[in-house]
Amino acid sequence: MNKEESDEGQCSCNEEGCSCGQDNCCDEEKGHTGMILGLANAAWTELLKEKMKKAYEKAAGSKMDKIAAIGVEANIEMWRGKMQEKAKWAEFEEKLDKAMNE
């Protein structure tokens, strides 16, 4: 059940999965069974992520709350600065346009 890799760089499928790193590129070759197994693998990964999130919340939730708040504060300031810079740039463009059209 191998799919040859073409000159256009398409995926190559084997027992380990897809060479291109996509989870479901080989599923159509495997039919319904491949589709169901692909969905099952995706569900397993999603459930594991959810459980890990809960474990992190329990183990380090308050610390992560502080880190998240600092990250949000920094992001807000960054965007505030970008918007101020944009306003100053618009002011400069207006002055330049006015000077050029006198």
PDB file of N, CA and C in Angstrom:
ATOM      1  N   MET A   1       0.842  -1.175   0.000  1.00  0.00           N
ATOM      2  CA  MET A   1       0.000   0.000   0.000  1.00  0.00           C
ATOM      3  C   MET A   1       0.888   1.241   0.000  1.00  0.00           C
ATOM      4  N   ASN A   2       1.812   1.335  -0.924  1.00  0.00           N
ATOM      5  CA  ASN A   2       2.687   2.491  -1.031  1.00  0.00           C
ATOM      6  C   ASN A   2       2.267   3.366  -2.188  1.00  0.00           C
ATOM      7  N   LYS A   3       2.373   4.625  -1.977  1.00  0.00           N
ATOM      8  CA  LYS A   3       2.066   5.626  -2.982  1.00  0.00           C
ATOM      9  C   LYS A   3       3.395   6.247  -3.366  1.00  0.00           C
ATOM     10  N   GLU A   4       3.789   6.130  -4.598  1.00  0.00           N
ATOM     11  CA  GLU A   4       5.076   6.644  -5.048  1.00  0.00           C
ATOM     12  C   GLU A   4       5.095   8.165  -4.948  1.00  0.00           C
ATOM     13  N   GLU A   5       6.255   8.705  -4.560  1.00  0.00           N
ATOM     14  CA  GLU A   5       6.404  10.150  -4.512  1.00  0.00           C
ATOM     15  C   GLU A   5       6.684  10.642  -5.923  1.00  0.00           C
ATOM     16  N   SER A   6       5.917  11.604  -6.384  1.00  0.00           N
ATOM     17  CA  SER A   6       6.063  12.099  -7.746  1.00  0.00           C
ATOM     18  C   SER A   6       7.052  13.248  -7.789  1.00  0.00           C
ATOM     19  N   ASP A   7       7.343  13.711  -9.005  1.00  0.00           N
ATOM     20  CA  ASP A   7       8.239  14.842  -9.187  1.00  0.00           C
ATOM     21  C   ASP A   7       7.662  16.119  -8.612  1.00  0.00           C
ATOM     22  N   GLU A   8       6.341  16.193  -8.444  1.00  0.00           N
ATOM     23  CA  GLU A   8       5.709  17.387  -7.899  1.00  0.00           C
ATOM     24  C   GLU A   8       5.798  17.437  -6.387  1.00  0.00           C
ATOM     25  N   GLY A   9       6.440  16.480  -5.730  1.00  0.00           N
ATOM     26  CA  GLY A   9       6.622  16.519  -4.288  1.00  0.00           C
ATOM     27  C   GLY A   9       5.429  16.034  -3.497  1.00  0.00           C
ATOM     28  N   GLN A  10       4.611  15.164  -4.072  1.00  0.00           N
ATOM     29  CA  GLN A  10       3.465  14.646  -3.343  1.00  0.00           C
ATOM     30  C   GLN A  10       3.929  13.690  -2.252  1.00  0.00           C
ATOM     31  N   CYS A  11       3.016  13.358  -1.377  1.00  0.00           N
ATOM     32  CA  CYS A  11       3.335  12.474  -0.260  1.00  0.00           C
ATOM     33  C   CYS A  11       3.662  11.067  -0.722  1.00  0.00           C
ATOM     34  N   SER A  12       4.439  10.414   0.112  1.00  0.00           N
ATOM     35  CA  SER A  12       4.724   9.004  -0.053  1.00  0.00           C
ATOM     36  C   SER A  12       4.133   8.296   1.160  1.00  0.00           C
ATOM     37  N   CYS A  13       3.365   7.254   0.942  1.00  0.00           N
ATOM     38  CA  CYS A  13       2.676   6.569   2.044  1.00  0.00           C
ATOM     39  C   CYS A  13       3.318   5.218   2.300  1.00  0.00           C
ATOM     40  N   ASN A  14       3.470   4.898   3.584  1.00  0.00           N
ATOM     41  CA  ASN A  14       3.949   3.579   3.980  1.00  0.00           C
ATOM     42  C   ASN A  14       3.328   3.216   5.321  1.00  0.00           C
ATOM     43  N   GLU A  15       3.818   2.143   5.937  1.00  0.00           N
ATOM     44  CA  GLU A  15       3.226   1.672   7.187  1.00  0.00           C
ATOM     45  C   GLU A  15       3.356   2.705   8.313  1.00  0.00           C
ATOM     46  N   GLU A  16       4.395   3.551   8.265  1.00  0.00           N
ATOM     47  CA  GLU A  16       4.600   4.550   9.310  1.00  0.00           C
ATOM     48  C   GLU A  16       3.727   5.786   9.131  1.00  0.00           C
ATOM     49  N   GLY A  17       3.155   5.968   7.965  1.00  0.00           N
ATOM     50  CA  GLY A  17       2.320   7.130   7.710  1.00  0.00           C
ATOM     51  C   GLY A  17       2.735   7.852   6.453  1.00  0.00           C
ATOM     52  N   CYS A  18       2.517   9.149   6.442  1.00  0.00           N
ATOM     53  CA  CYS A  18       2.752   9.970   5.263  1.00  0.00           C
ATOM     54  C   CYS A  18       4.088  10.684   5.377  1.00  0.00           C
ATOM     55  N   SER A  19       4.857  10.684   4.297  1.00  0.00           N
ATOM     56  CA  SER A  19       6.171  11.322   4.311  1.00  0.00           C
ATOM     57  C   SER A  19       6.086  12.834   4.446  1.00  0.00           C
ATOM     58  N   CYS A  20       4.951  13.411   4.051  1.00  0.00           N
ATOM     59  CA  CYS A  20       4.828  14.867   4.096  1.00  0.00           C
ATOM     60  C   CYS A  20       4.424  15.360   5.479  1.00  0.00           C
ATOM     61  N   GLY A  21       4.143  14.465   6.398  1.00  0.00           N
ATOM     62  CA  GLY A  21       3.794  14.859   7.747  1.00  0.00           C
ATOM     63  C   GLY A  21       2.312  15.114   7.970  1.00  0.00           C
ATOM     64  N   GLN A  22       1.513  15.028   6.925  1.00  0.00           N
ATOM     65  CA  GLN A  22       0.073  15.221   7.080  1.00  0.00           C
ATOM     66  C   GLN A  22      -0.549  13.928   7.590  1.00  0.00           C
ATOM     67  N   ASP A  23      -1.486  14.068   8.514  1.00  0.00           N
ATOM     68  CA  ASP A  23      -2.068  12.889   9.144  1.00  0.00           C
ATOM     69  C   ASP A  23      -2.917  12.052   8.201  1.00  0.00           C
ATOM     70  N   ASN A  24      -3.607  12.683   7.273  1.00  0.00           N
ATOM     71  CA  ASN A  24      -4.618  11.953   6.520  1.00  0.00           C
ATOM     72  C   ASN A  24      -4.353  11.853   5.029  1.00  0.00           C
ATOM     73  N   CYS A  25      -3.133  12.167   4.562  1.00  0.00           N
ATOM     74  CA  CYS A  25      -2.913  12.183   3.121  1.00  0.00           C
ATOM     75  C   CYS A  25      -3.035  10.797   2.496  1.00  0.00           C
ATOM     76  N   CYS A  26      -2.782   9.746   3.243  1.00  0.00           N
ATOM     77  CA  CYS A  26      -2.827   8.396   2.689  1.00  0.00           C
ATOM     78  C   CYS A  26      -4.169   7.708   2.924  1.00  0.00           C
ATOM     79  N   ASP A  27      -5.098   8.355   3.628  1.00  0.00           N
ATOM     80  CA  ASP A  27      -6.349   7.709   4.002  1.00  0.00           C
ATOM     81  C   ASP A  27      -7.167   7.244   2.816  1.00  0.00           C
ATOM     82  N   GLU A  28      -7.170   8.005   1.721  1.00  0.00           N
ATOM     83  CA  GLU A  28      -8.002   7.596   0.591  1.00  0.00           C
ATOM     84  C   GLU A  28      -7.521   6.278   0.005  1.00  0.00           C
ATOM     85  N   GLU A  29      -6.222   5.979   0.133  1.00  0.00           N
ATOM     86  CA  GLU A  29      -5.716   4.693  -0.338  1.00  0.00           C
ATOM     87  C   GLU A  29      -6.185   3.558   0.565  1.00  0.00           C
ATOM     88  N   LYS A  30      -6.449   3.835   1.812  1.00  0.00           N
ATOM     89  CA  LYS A  30      -6.809   2.813   2.784  1.00  0.00           C
ATOM     90  C   LYS A  30      -8.313   2.623   2.897  1.00  0.00           C
ATOM     91  N   GLY A  31      -9.095   3.450   2.238  1.00  0.00           N
ATOM     92  CA  GLY A  31     -10.544   3.331   2.279  1.00  0.00           C
ATOM     93  C   GLY A  31     -11.122   3.756   3.607  1.00  0.00           C
ATOM     94  N   HIS A  32     -12.283   3.200   3.925  1.00  0.00           N
ATOM     95  CA  HIS A  32     -12.985   3.568   5.154  1.00  0.00           C
ATOM     96  C   HIS A  32     -12.190   3.222   6.403  1.00  0.00           C
ATOM     97  N   THR A  33     -11.491   2.105   6.381  1.00  0.00           N
ATOM     98  CA  THR A  33     -10.708   1.698   7.548  1.00  0.00           C
ATOM     99  C   THR A  33      -9.648   2.743   7.864  1.00  0.00           C
ATOM    100  N   GLY A  34      -8.964   3.210   6.838  1.00  0.00           N
ATOM    101  CA  GLY A  34      -7.943   4.238   7.039  1.00  0.00           C
ATOM    102  C   GLY A  34      -8.536   5.526   7.568  1.00  0.00           C
ATOM    103  N   MET A  35      -9.704   5.885   7.043  1.00  0.00           N
ATOM    104  CA  MET A  35     -10.367   7.099   7.499  1.00  0.00           C
ATOM    105  C   MET A  35     -10.719   6.980   8.989  1.00  0.00           C
ATOM    106  N   ILE A  36     -11.299   5.856   9.380  1.00  0.00           N
ATOM    107  CA  ILE A  36     -11.694   5.648  10.776  1.00  0.00           C
ATOM    108  C   ILE A  36     -10.464   5.634  11.678  1.00  0.00           C
ATOM    109  N   LEU A  37      -9.398   4.970  11.253  1.00  0.00           N
ATOM    110  CA  LEU A  37      -8.181   4.944  12.062  1.00  0.00           C
ATOM    111  C   LEU A  37      -7.562   6.333  12.170  1.00  0.00           C
ATOM    112  N   GLY A  38      -7.618   7.111  11.094  1.00  0.00           N
ATOM    113  CA  GLY A  38      -7.121   8.480  11.135  1.00  0.00           C
ATOM    114  C   GLY A  38      -7.905   9.324  12.125  1.00  0.00           C
ATOM    115  N   LEU A  39      -9.226   9.185  12.106  1.00  0.00           N
ATOM    116  CA  LEU A  39     -10.069   9.913  13.049  1.00  0.00           C
ATOM    117  C   LEU A  39      -9.795   9.474  14.489  1.00  0.00           C
ATOM    118  N   ALA A  40      -9.600   8.173  14.676  1.00  0.00           N
ATOM    119  CA  ALA A  40      -9.317   7.658  16.020  1.00  0.00           C
ATOM    120  C   ALA A  40      -7.993   8.203  16.541  1.00  0.00           C
ATOM    121  N   ASN A  41      -6.977   8.253  15.672  1.00  0.00           N
ATOM    122  CA  ASN A  41      -5.696   8.810  16.090  1.00  0.00           C
ATOM    123  C   ASN A  41      -5.835  10.279  16.444  1.00  0.00           C
ATOM    124  N   ALA A  42      -6.583  11.038  15.653  1.00  0.00           N
ATOM    125  CA  ALA A  42      -6.796  12.455  15.935  1.00  0.00           C
ATOM    126  C   ALA A  42      -7.535  12.640  17.256  1.00  0.00           C
ATOM    127  N   ALA A  43      -8.553  11.818  17.503  1.00  0.00           N
ATOM    128  CA  ALA A  43      -9.312  11.915  18.754  1.00  0.00           C
ATOM    129  C   ALA A  43      -8.418  11.604  19.952  1.00  0.00           C
ATOM    130  N   TRP A  44      -7.556  10.601  19.808  1.00  0.00           N
ATOM    131  CA  TRP A  44      -6.642  10.226  20.890  1.00  0.00           C
ATOM    132  C   TRP A  44      -5.730  11.404  21.222  1.00  0.00           C
ATOM    133  N   THR A  45      -5.192  12.041  20.177  1.00  0.00           N
ATOM    134  CA  THR A  45      -4.302  13.178  20.370  1.00  0.00           C
ATOM    135  C   THR A  45      -5.040  14.334  21.037  1.00  0.00           C
ATOM    136  N   GLU A  46      -6.246  14.635  20.571  1.00  0.00           N
ATOM    137  CA  GLU A  46      -7.034  15.723  21.154  1.00  0.00           C
ATOM    138  C   GLU A  46      -7.356  15.452  22.620  1.00  0.00           C
ATOM    139  N   LEU A  47      -7.752  14.218  22.935  1.00  0.00           N
ATOM    140  CA  LEU A  47      -8.074  13.866  24.317  1.00  0.00           C
ATOM    141  C   LEU A  47      -6.838  13.976  25.201  1.00  0.00           C
ATOM    142  N   LEU A  48      -5.693  13.511  24.697  1.00  0.00           N
ATOM    143  CA  LEU A  48      -4.457  13.608  25.466  1.00  0.00           C
ATOM    144  C   LEU A  48      -4.109  15.066  25.741  1.00  0.00           C
ATOM    145  N   LYS A  49      -4.280  15.942  24.744  1.00  0.00           N
ATOM    146  CA  LYS A  49      -4.032  17.374  24.951  1.00  0.00           C
ATOM    147  C   LYS A  49      -4.952  17.935  26.027  1.00  0.00           C
ATOM    148  N   GLU A  50      -6.230  17.564  25.984  1.00  0.00           N
ATOM    149  CA  GLU A  50      -7.182  18.040  26.989  1.00  0.00           C
ATOM    150  C   GLU A  50      -6.770  17.588  28.382  1.00  0.00           C
ATOM    151  N   LYS A  51      -6.352  16.341  28.514  1.00  0.00           N
ATOM    152  CA  LYS A  51      -5.941  15.823  29.813  1.00  0.00           C
ATOM    153  C   LYS A  51      -4.674  16.512  30.299  1.00  0.00           C
ATOM    154  N   MET A  52      -3.764  16.794  29.363  1.00  0.00           N
ATOM    155  CA  MET A  52      -2.538  17.502  29.729  1.00  0.00           C
ATOM    156  C   MET A  52      -2.850  18.923  30.190  1.00  0.00           C
ATOM    157  N   LYS A  53      -3.796  19.571  29.539  1.00  0.00           N
ATOM    158  CA  LYS A  53      -4.200  20.909  29.960  1.00  0.00           C
ATOM    159  C   LYS A  53      -4.721  20.880  31.387  1.00  0.00           C
ATOM    160  N   LYS A  54      -5.545  19.873  31.703  1.00  0.00           N
ATOM    161  CA  LYS A  54      -6.078  19.747  33.062  1.00  0.00           C
ATOM    162  C   LYS A  54      -4.957  19.494  34.062  1.00  0.00           C
ATOM    163  N   ALA A  55      -3.991  18.663  33.675  1.00  0.00           N
ATOM    164  CA  ALA A  55      -2.870  18.367  34.570  1.00  0.00           C
ATOM    165  C   ALA A  55      -2.025  19.614  34.810  1.00  0.00           C
ATOM    166  N   TYR A  56      -1.767  20.384  33.748  1.00  0.00           N
ATOM    167  CA  TYR A  56      -1.024  21.636  33.918  1.00  0.00           C
ATOM    168  C   TYR A  56      -1.790  22.616  34.797  1.00  0.00           C
ATOM    169  N   GLU A  57      -3.098  22.699  34.598  1.00  0.00           N
ATOM    170  CA  GLU A  57      -3.921  23.609  35.412  1.00  0.00           C
ATOM    171  C   GLU A  57      -3.797  23.242  36.886  1.00  0.00           C
ATOM    172  N   LYS A  58      -3.854  21.951  37.175  1.00  0.00           N
ATOM    173  CA  LYS A  58      -3.762  21.492  38.565  1.00  0.00           C
ATOM    174  C   LYS A  58      -2.361  21.727  39.138  1.00  0.00           C
ATOM    175  N   ALA A  59      -1.328  21.452  38.344  1.00  0.00           N
ATOM    176  CA  ALA A  59       0.045  21.533  38.851  1.00  0.00           C
ATOM    177  C   ALA A  59       0.604  22.948  38.877  1.00  0.00           C
ATOM    178  N   ALA A  60       0.210  23.762  37.898  1.00  0.00           N
ATOM    179  CA  ALA A  60       0.859  25.072  37.793  1.00  0.00           C
ATOM    180  C   ALA A  60      -0.102  26.168  37.359  1.00  0.00           C
ATOM    181  N   GLY A  61      -1.375  25.971  37.610  1.00  0.00           N
ATOM    182  CA  GLY A  61      -2.386  26.912  37.140  1.00  0.00           C
ATOM    183  C   GLY A  61      -2.179  28.337  37.609  1.00  0.00           C
ATOM    184  N   SER A  62      -1.903  28.538  38.898  1.00  0.00           N
ATOM    185  CA  SER A  62      -1.766  29.910  39.411  1.00  0.00           C
ATOM    186  C   SER A  62      -0.520  30.575  38.844  1.00  0.00           C
ATOM    187  N   LYS A  63       0.561  29.834  38.698  1.00  0.00           N
ATOM    188  CA  LYS A  63       1.777  30.391  38.109  1.00  0.00           C
ATOM    189  C   LYS A  63       1.523  30.745  36.646  1.00  0.00           C
ATOM    190  N   MET A  64       0.830  29.862  35.926  1.00  0.00           N
ATOM    191  CA  MET A  64       0.536  30.117  34.521  1.00  0.00           C
ATOM    192  C   MET A  64      -0.418  31.296  34.368  1.00  0.00           C
ATOM    193  N   ASP A  65      -1.325  31.492  35.330  1.00  0.00           N
ATOM    194  CA  ASP A  65      -2.206  32.670  35.311  1.00  0.00           C
ATOM    195  C   ASP A  65      -1.375  33.951  35.347  1.00  0.00           C
ATOM    196  N   LYS A  66      -0.358  33.977  36.206  1.00  0.00           N
ATOM    197  CA  LYS A  66       0.508  35.157  36.316  1.00  0.00           C
ATOM    198  C   LYS A  66       1.285  35.380  35.018  1.00  0.00           C
ATOM    199  N   ILE A  67       1.828  34.297  34.469  1.00  0.00           N
ATOM    200  CA  ILE A  67       2.589  34.394  33.222  1.00  0.00           C
ATOM    201  C   ILE A  67       1.683  34.866  32.085  1.00  0.00           C
ATOM    202  N   ALA A  68       0.476  34.329  32.032  1.00  0.00           N
ATOM    203  CA  ALA A  68      -0.477  34.730  30.991  1.00  0.00           C
ATOM    204  C   ALA A  68      -0.836  36.204  31.119  1.00  0.00           C
ATOM    205  N   ALA A  69      -1.048  36.679  32.343  1.00  0.00           N
ATOM    206  CA  ALA A  69      -1.398  38.083  32.559  1.00  0.00           C
ATOM    207  C   ALA A  69      -0.265  39.001  32.105  1.00  0.00           C
ATOM    208  N   ILE A  70       0.976  38.621  32.391  1.00  0.00           N
ATOM    209  CA  ILE A  70       2.124  39.423  31.961  1.00  0.00           C
ATOM    210  C   ILE A  70       2.220  39.416  30.431  1.00  0.00           C
ATOM    211  N   GLY A  71       1.994  38.260  29.828  1.00  0.00           N
ATOM    212  CA  GLY A  71       2.018  38.171  28.369  1.00  0.00           C
ATOM    213  C   GLY A  71       0.959  39.044  27.723  1.00  0.00           C
ATOM    214  N   VAL A  72      -0.234  39.039  28.292  1.00  0.00           N
ATOM    215  CA  VAL A  72      -1.328  39.866  27.772  1.00  0.00           C
ATOM    216  C   VAL A  72      -0.982  41.345  27.939  1.00  0.00           C
ATOM    217  N   GLU A  73      -0.464  41.711  29.100  1.00  0.00           N
ATOM    218  CA  GLU A  73      -0.088  43.102  29.349  1.00  0.00           C
ATOM    219  C   GLU A  73       0.963  43.568  28.335  1.00  0.00           C
ATOM    220  N   ALA A  74       1.959  42.730  28.091  1.00  0.00           N
ATOM    221  CA  ALA A  74       3.008  43.077  27.124  1.00  0.00           C
ATOM    222  C   ALA A  74       2.438  43.215  25.716  1.00  0.00           C
ATOM    223  N   ASN A  75       1.536  42.327  25.353  1.00  0.00           N
ATOM    224  CA  ASN A  75       0.926  42.370  24.021  1.00  0.00           C
ATOM    225  C   ASN A  75       0.097  43.633  23.841  1.00  0.00           C
ATOM    226  N   ILE A  76      -0.666  44.006  24.854  1.00  0.00           N
ATOM    227  CA  ILE A  76      -1.476  45.229  24.787  1.00  0.00           C
ATOM    228  C   ILE A  76      -0.570  46.439  24.589  1.00  0.00           C
ATOM    229  N   GLU A  77       0.516  46.519  25.350  1.00  0.00           N
ATOM    230  CA  GLU A  77       1.445  47.639  25.216  1.00  0.00           C
ATOM    231  C   GLU A  77       2.096  47.660  23.840  1.00  0.00           C
ATOM    232  N   MET A  78       2.447  46.492  23.328  1.00  0.00           N
ATOM    233  CA  MET A  78       3.042  46.422  22.000  1.00  0.00           C
ATOM    234  C   MET A  78       2.081  46.996  20.957  1.00  0.00           C
ATOM    235  N   TRP A  79       0.812  46.584  21.009  1.00  0.00           N
ATOM    236  CA  TRP A  79      -0.162  47.080  20.039  1.00  0.00           C
ATOM    237  C   TRP A  79      -0.483  48.549  20.251  1.00  0.00           C
ATOM    238  N   ARG A  80      -0.493  48.992  21.503  1.00  0.00           N
ATOM    239  CA  ARG A  80      -0.701  50.417  21.779  1.00  0.00           C
ATOM    240  C   ARG A  80       0.406  51.225  21.101  1.00  0.00           C
ATOM    241  N   GLY A  81       1.639  50.756  21.238  1.00  0.00           N
ATOM    242  CA  GLY A  81       2.774  51.422  20.596  1.00  0.00           C
ATOM    243  C   GLY A  81       2.660  51.411  19.074  1.00  0.00           C
ATOM    244  N   LYS A  82       2.227  50.288  18.514  1.00  0.00           N
ATOM    245  CA  LYS A  82       2.056  50.209  17.065  1.00  0.00           C
ATOM    246  C   LYS A  82       0.999  51.196  16.583  1.00  0.00           C
ATOM    247  N   MET A  83      -0.080  51.326  17.325  1.00  0.00           N
ATOM    248  CA  MET A  83      -1.147  52.245  16.922  1.00  0.00           C
ATOM    249  C   MET A  83      -0.676  53.695  17.039  1.00  0.00           C
ATOM    250  N   GLN A  84       0.118  54.017  18.076  1.00  0.00           N
ATOM    251  CA  GLN A  84       0.661  55.370  18.216  1.00  0.00           C
ATOM    252  C   GLN A  84       1.622  55.663  17.066  1.00  0.00           C
ATOM    253  N   GLU A  85       2.433  54.672  16.727  1.00  0.00           N
ATOM    254  CA  GLU A  85       3.371  54.826  15.616  1.00  0.00           C
ATOM    255  C   GLU A  85       2.612  55.051  14.308  1.00  0.00           C
ATOM    256  N   LYS A  86       1.540  54.309  14.124  1.00  0.00           N
ATOM    257  CA  LYS A  86       0.724  54.445  12.910  1.00  0.00           C
ATOM    258  C   LYS A  86       0.122  55.851  12.835  1.00  0.00           C
ATOM    259  N   ALA A  87      -0.353  56.372  13.969  1.00  0.00           N
ATOM    260  CA  ALA A  87      -0.932  57.711  14.000  1.00  0.00           C
ATOM    261  C   ALA A  87       0.132  58.754  13.687  1.00  0.00           C
ATOM    262  N   LYS A  88       1.337  58.578  14.227  1.00  0.00           N
ATOM    263  CA  LYS A  88       2.424  59.523  13.948  1.00  0.00           C
ATOM    264  C   LYS A  88       2.819  59.452  12.474  1.00  0.00           C
ATOM    265  N   TRP A  89       2.836  58.268  11.917  1.00  0.00           N
ATOM    266  CA  TRP A  89       3.164  58.100  10.500  1.00  0.00           C
ATOM    267  C   TRP A  89       2.119  58.798   9.632  1.00  0.00           C
ATOM    268  N   ALA A  90       0.845  58.673   9.986  1.00  0.00           N
ATOM    269  CA  ALA A  90      -0.223  59.340   9.230  1.00  0.00           C
ATOM    270  C   ALA A  90      -0.052  60.849   9.317  1.00  0.00           C
ATOM    271  N   GLU A  91       0.334  61.348  10.486  1.00  0.00           N
ATOM    272  CA  GLU A  91       0.575  62.777  10.665  1.00  0.00           C
ATOM    273  C   GLU A  91       1.729  63.233   9.765  1.00  0.00           C
ATOM    274  N   PHE A  92       2.802  62.446   9.728  1.00  0.00           N
ATOM    275  CA  PHE A  92       3.944  62.754   8.872  1.00  0.00           C
ATOM    276  C   PHE A  92       3.520  62.777   7.399  1.00  0.00           C
ATOM    277  N   GLU A  93       2.752  61.782   6.974  1.00  0.00           N
ATOM    278  CA  GLU A  93       2.293  61.734   5.584  1.00  0.00           C
ATOM    279  C   GLU A  93       1.441  62.957   5.239  1.00  0.00           C
ATOM    280  N   GLU A  94       0.597  63.364   6.176  1.00  0.00           N
ATOM    281  CA  GLU A  94      -0.253  64.535   5.954  1.00  0.00           C
ATOM    282  C   GLU A  94       0.597  65.796   5.802  1.00  0.00           C
ATOM    283  N   LYS A  95       1.595  65.965   6.670  1.00  0.00           N
ATOM    284  CA  LYS A  95       2.488  67.127   6.588  1.00  0.00           C
ATOM    285  C   LYS A  95       3.268  67.116   5.272  1.00  0.00           C
ATOM    286  N   LEU A  96       3.770  65.950   4.895  1.00  0.00           N
ATOM    287  CA  LEU A  96       4.538  65.826   3.662  1.00  0.00           C
ATOM    288  C   LEU A  96       3.672  66.127   2.444  1.00  0.00           C
ATOM    289  N   ASP A  97       2.470  65.601   2.440  1.00  0.00           N
ATOM    290  CA  ASP A  97       1.531  65.842   1.328  1.00  0.00           C
ATOM    291  C   ASP A  97       1.216  67.333   1.209  1.00  0.00           C
ATOM    292  N   LYS A  98       0.991  67.961   2.361  1.00  0.00           N
ATOM    293  CA  LYS A  98       0.669  69.388   2.389  1.00  0.00           C
ATOM    294  C   LYS A  98       1.850  70.207   1.856  1.00  0.00           C
ATOM    295  N   ALA A  99       3.068  69.864   2.290  1.00  0.00           N
ATOM    296  CA  ALA A  99       4.280  70.570   1.838  1.00  0.00           C
ATOM    297  C   ALA A  99       4.503  70.395   0.342  1.00  0.00           C
ATOM    298  N   MET A 100       4.220  69.238  -0.175  1.00  0.00           N
ATOM    299  CA  MET A 100       4.445  68.968  -1.595  1.00  0.00           C
ATOM    300  C   MET A 100       3.399  69.654  -2.484  1.00  0.00           C
ATOM    301  N   ASN A 101       2.240  69.936  -1.944  1.00  0.00           N
ATOM    302  CA  ASN A 101       1.151  70.521  -2.728  1.00  0.00           C
ATOM    303  C   ASN A 101       1.002  72.030  -2.526  1.00  0.00           C
ATOM    304  N   GLU A 102       1.942  72.672  -1.854  1.00  0.00           N
ATOM    305  CA  GLU A 102       1.870  74.126  -1.638  1.00  0.00           C
ATOM    306  C   GLU A 102       2.250  74.876  -2.882  1.00  0.00           C
TER     307      GLU A 102
END
